[in-house]
Amino acid sequence: MQDFLEITKAEYIDGYRLRLYFNTGEVRIADLESSLVGEVFVPLRNLDMFKRFKVKFATVTWENEADLAPEYLYDISVAA
């Protein structure tokens, strides 16, 4: 068992959905549309900005330094 849940890779699917690869070997799909709440996430409602994510520090991050915990992403995602 892994000590910490980490995202190792992420791919854009469509809308606000990402395919997430976890260090557990699982691949899951997360729809983040309803998660973009709060001041730091408002710019991500623009799909062009949303698509410019990176995997950094074991999770998905954006250029405005917004991020979501890998545990949260796991909890809201479904098996791919």
N, C-alpha and C. Protein backbone atom coordinates (compact mmCIF):
# COMPACT_ATOMS: atom_id res chain seq x y z
N MET A 1 0.84 -1.19 0.00
CA MET A 1 0.00 0.00 0.00
C MET A 1 0.88 1.25 0.00
N GLN A 2 0.44 2.25 -0.73
CA GLN A 2 1.18 3.51 -0.82
C GLN A 2 1.00 4.32 0.46
N ASP A 3 2.07 5.00 0.87
CA ASP A 3 1.98 5.87 2.04
C ASP A 3 1.10 7.09 1.76
N PHE A 4 1.27 7.66 0.57
CA PHE A 4 0.53 8.86 0.19
C PHE A 4 -0.09 8.65 -1.17
N LEU A 5 -1.31 9.15 -1.33
CA LEU A 5 -1.99 9.09 -2.62
C LEU A 5 -1.44 10.20 -3.49
N GLU A 6 -0.98 9.84 -4.68
CA GLU A 6 -0.40 10.82 -5.60
C GLU A 6 -0.97 10.65 -7.00
N ILE A 7 -1.04 11.75 -7.71
CA ILE A 7 -1.39 11.70 -9.12
C ILE A 7 -0.08 11.72 -9.89
N THR A 8 0.07 10.77 -10.79
CA THR A 8 1.31 10.66 -11.55
C THR A 8 1.16 11.22 -12.96
N LYS A 9 -0.07 11.31 -13.45
CA LYS A 9 -0.33 11.79 -14.81
C LYS A 9 -1.78 12.23 -14.89
N ALA A 10 -2.06 13.22 -15.73
CA ALA A 10 -3.44 13.67 -15.95
C ALA A 10 -3.60 14.04 -17.41
N GLU A 11 -4.78 13.73 -17.95
CA GLU A 11 -5.09 14.03 -19.34
C GLU A 11 -6.44 14.72 -19.41
N TYR A 12 -6.53 15.71 -20.28
CA TYR A 12 -7.80 16.40 -20.51
C TYR A 12 -8.70 15.49 -21.35
N ILE A 13 -9.97 15.39 -20.96
CA ILE A 13 -10.93 14.60 -21.75
C ILE A 13 -11.83 15.56 -22.52
N ASP A 14 -12.69 16.27 -21.81
CA ASP A 14 -13.59 17.26 -22.40
C ASP A 14 -14.25 18.03 -21.26
N GLY A 15 -14.89 19.15 -21.59
CA GLY A 15 -15.54 19.95 -20.54
C GLY A 15 -14.56 20.19 -19.41
N TYR A 16 -14.96 19.80 -18.21
CA TYR A 16 -14.11 19.93 -17.03
C TYR A 16 -13.68 18.57 -16.52
N ARG A 17 -13.60 17.60 -17.42
CA ARG A 17 -13.25 16.23 -17.03
C ARG A 17 -11.78 15.92 -17.33
N LEU A 18 -11.15 15.28 -16.35
CA LEU A 18 -9.77 14.86 -16.48
C LEU A 18 -9.66 13.37 -16.21
N ARG A 19 -8.79 12.71 -16.94
CA ARG A 19 -8.43 11.32 -16.66
C ARG A 19 -7.19 11.39 -15.77
N LEU A 20 -7.29 10.79 -14.59
CA LEU A 20 -6.23 10.87 -13.58
C LEU A 20 -5.60 9.51 -13.36
N TYR A 21 -4.29 9.49 -13.32
CA TYR A 21 -3.51 8.28 -13.07
C TYR A 21 -2.92 8.40 -11.67
N PHE A 22 -3.25 7.46 -10.81
CA PHE A 22 -2.79 7.49 -9.42
C PHE A 22 -1.64 6.52 -9.20
N ASN A 23 -0.85 6.79 -8.18
CA ASN A 23 0.29 5.93 -7.86
C ASN A 23 -0.13 4.56 -7.35
N THR A 24 -1.41 4.34 -7.19
CA THR A 24 -1.93 3.03 -6.82
C THR A 24 -2.10 2.14 -8.05
N GLY A 25 -1.92 2.74 -9.24
CA GLY A 25 -2.15 2.02 -10.49
C GLY A 25 -3.54 2.25 -11.04
N GLU A 26 -4.39 2.91 -10.28
CA GLU A 26 -5.76 3.16 -10.72
C GLU A 26 -5.81 4.34 -11.69
N VAL A 27 -6.74 4.25 -12.64
CA VAL A 27 -7.04 5.35 -13.56
C VAL A 27 -8.49 5.72 -13.31
N ARG A 28 -8.72 7.00 -13.03
CA ARG A 28 -10.06 7.45 -12.68
C ARG A 28 -10.39 8.71 -13.46
N ILE A 29 -11.68 9.00 -13.59
CA ILE A 29 -12.14 10.19 -14.29
C ILE A 29 -12.84 11.10 -13.29
N ALA A 30 -12.38 12.37 -13.28
CA ALA A 30 -12.97 13.36 -12.38
C ALA A 30 -13.60 14.47 -13.19
N ASP A 31 -14.84 14.80 -12.86
CA ASP A 31 -15.52 15.95 -13.45
C ASP A 31 -15.42 17.08 -12.43
N LEU A 32 -14.65 18.10 -12.74
CA LEU A 32 -14.35 19.15 -11.77
C LEU A 32 -15.26 20.37 -11.86
N GLU A 33 -16.25 20.34 -12.74
CA GLU A 33 -17.10 21.52 -12.94
C GLU A 33 -17.68 22.03 -11.63
N SER A 34 -18.22 21.15 -10.80
CA SER A 34 -18.84 21.61 -9.55
C SER A 34 -17.81 21.89 -8.46
N SER A 35 -16.55 21.58 -8.70
CA SER A 35 -15.49 21.83 -7.72
C SER A 35 -14.83 23.19 -7.89
N LEU A 36 -15.15 23.90 -8.96
CA LEU A 36 -14.51 25.18 -9.24
C LEU A 36 -15.22 26.31 -8.49
N VAL A 37 -15.16 26.24 -7.18
CA VAL A 37 -15.82 27.19 -6.29
C VAL A 37 -14.76 27.89 -5.47
N GLY A 38 -14.91 29.17 -5.28
CA GLY A 38 -13.95 29.93 -4.50
C GLY A 38 -13.09 30.79 -5.42
N GLU A 39 -12.56 31.84 -4.86
CA GLU A 39 -11.86 32.86 -5.62
C GLU A 39 -10.74 32.31 -6.51
N VAL A 40 -9.94 31.40 -5.99
CA VAL A 40 -8.81 30.88 -6.76
C VAL A 40 -9.25 30.02 -7.94
N PHE A 41 -10.46 29.45 -7.86
CA PHE A 41 -10.94 28.57 -8.92
C PHE A 41 -11.77 29.28 -9.99
N VAL A 42 -12.23 30.50 -9.72
CA VAL A 42 -13.06 31.22 -10.69
C VAL A 42 -12.39 31.33 -12.06
N PRO A 43 -11.09 31.67 -12.14
CA PRO A 43 -10.47 31.75 -13.48
C PRO A 43 -10.49 30.43 -14.24
N LEU A 44 -10.58 29.32 -13.54
CA LEU A 44 -10.57 28.01 -14.19
C LEU A 44 -11.90 27.67 -14.85
N ARG A 45 -12.90 28.47 -14.60
CA ARG A 45 -14.18 28.27 -15.30
C ARG A 45 -14.03 28.58 -16.79
N ASN A 46 -12.97 29.33 -17.13
CA ASN A 46 -12.61 29.56 -18.53
C ASN A 46 -11.90 28.29 -18.99
N LEU A 47 -12.50 27.59 -19.94
CA LEU A 47 -11.96 26.30 -20.37
C LEU A 47 -10.53 26.39 -20.90
N ASP A 48 -10.20 27.51 -21.56
CA ASP A 48 -8.83 27.64 -22.06
C ASP A 48 -7.84 27.61 -20.90
N MET A 49 -8.16 28.27 -19.81
CA MET A 49 -7.27 28.26 -18.65
C MET A 49 -7.33 26.91 -17.94
N PHE A 50 -8.52 26.33 -17.85
CA PHE A 50 -8.67 25.03 -17.20
C PHE A 50 -7.78 23.98 -17.86
N LYS A 51 -7.70 24.02 -19.17
CA LYS A 51 -6.92 23.02 -19.92
C LYS A 51 -5.42 23.15 -19.70
N ARG A 52 -4.97 24.27 -19.14
CA ARG A 52 -3.53 24.48 -18.96
C ARG A 52 -3.06 24.01 -17.58
N PHE A 53 -3.38 22.79 -17.26
CA PHE A 53 -2.99 22.21 -15.97
C PHE A 53 -1.68 21.45 -16.13
N LYS A 54 -1.06 21.17 -15.01
CA LYS A 54 0.13 20.34 -14.96
C LYS A 54 0.03 19.43 -13.75
N VAL A 55 0.77 18.35 -13.77
CA VAL A 55 0.90 17.53 -12.57
C VAL A 55 2.18 18.01 -11.88
N LYS A 56 2.00 18.51 -10.67
CA LYS A 56 3.11 19.07 -9.90
C LYS A 56 2.82 18.79 -8.43
N PHE A 57 3.84 18.44 -7.69
CA PHE A 57 3.68 18.14 -6.27
C PHE A 57 2.63 17.05 -6.04
N ALA A 58 2.59 16.08 -6.94
CA ALA A 58 1.74 14.89 -6.82
C ALA A 58 0.25 15.17 -6.98
N THR A 59 -0.10 16.31 -7.58
CA THR A 59 -1.51 16.58 -7.86
C THR A 59 -1.62 17.46 -9.10
N VAL A 60 -2.85 17.79 -9.47
CA VAL A 60 -3.11 18.65 -10.61
C VAL A 60 -3.03 20.10 -10.14
N THR A 61 -2.27 20.92 -10.86
CA THR A 61 -2.15 22.34 -10.52
C THR A 61 -2.34 23.18 -11.77
N TRP A 62 -2.67 24.43 -11.56
CA TRP A 62 -2.85 25.37 -12.66
C TRP A 62 -1.89 26.54 -12.50
N GLU A 63 -1.76 27.33 -13.56
CA GLU A 63 -0.79 28.42 -13.56
C GLU A 63 -1.09 29.50 -12.53
N ASN A 64 -2.33 29.60 -12.06
CA ASN A 64 -2.65 30.57 -11.01
C ASN A 64 -2.44 29.97 -9.61
N GLU A 65 -1.77 28.82 -9.57
CA GLU A 65 -1.42 28.11 -8.34
C GLU A 65 -2.60 27.43 -7.64
N ALA A 66 -3.73 27.36 -8.33
CA ALA A 66 -4.86 26.59 -7.80
C ALA A 66 -4.50 25.11 -7.88
N ASP A 67 -4.95 24.35 -6.90
CA ASP A 67 -4.78 22.90 -6.94
C ASP A 67 -5.84 22.26 -6.08
N LEU A 68 -5.97 20.96 -6.24
CA LEU A 68 -6.91 20.17 -5.45
C LEU A 68 -6.15 18.97 -4.91
N ALA A 69 -6.41 18.62 -3.67
CA ALA A 69 -5.71 17.50 -3.05
C ALA A 69 -5.99 16.21 -3.81
N PRO A 70 -4.97 15.36 -3.96
CA PRO A 70 -5.20 14.10 -4.67
C PRO A 70 -6.26 13.24 -4.00
N GLU A 71 -6.38 13.31 -2.69
CA GLU A 71 -7.41 12.54 -1.98
C GLU A 71 -8.80 13.02 -2.37
N TYR A 72 -8.96 14.34 -2.50
CA TYR A 72 -10.25 14.89 -2.94
C TYR A 72 -10.55 14.44 -4.36
N LEU A 73 -9.56 14.54 -5.24
CA LEU A 73 -9.76 14.13 -6.63
C LEU A 73 -10.12 12.66 -6.72
N TYR A 74 -9.51 11.86 -5.89
CA TYR A 74 -9.84 10.42 -5.87
C TYR A 74 -11.30 10.22 -5.43
N ASP A 75 -11.69 10.94 -4.37
CA ASP A 75 -13.04 10.77 -3.82
C ASP A 75 -14.13 11.18 -4.79
N ILE A 76 -13.89 12.20 -5.62
CA ILE A 76 -14.95 12.66 -6.53
C ILE A 76 -14.89 11.98 -7.89
N SER A 77 -13.90 11.16 -8.10
CA SER A 77 -13.73 10.53 -9.42
C SER A 77 -14.35 9.14 -9.46
N VAL A 78 -14.51 8.65 -10.68
CA VAL A 78 -15.04 7.30 -10.90
C VAL A 78 -14.01 6.51 -11.69
N ALA A 79 -14.05 5.20 -11.55
CA ALA A 79 -13.12 4.34 -12.26
C ALA A 79 -13.26 4.54 -13.76
N ALA A 80 -12.14 4.60 -14.45
CA ALA A 80 -12.15 4.81 -15.90
C ALA A 80 -12.44 3.49 -16.61
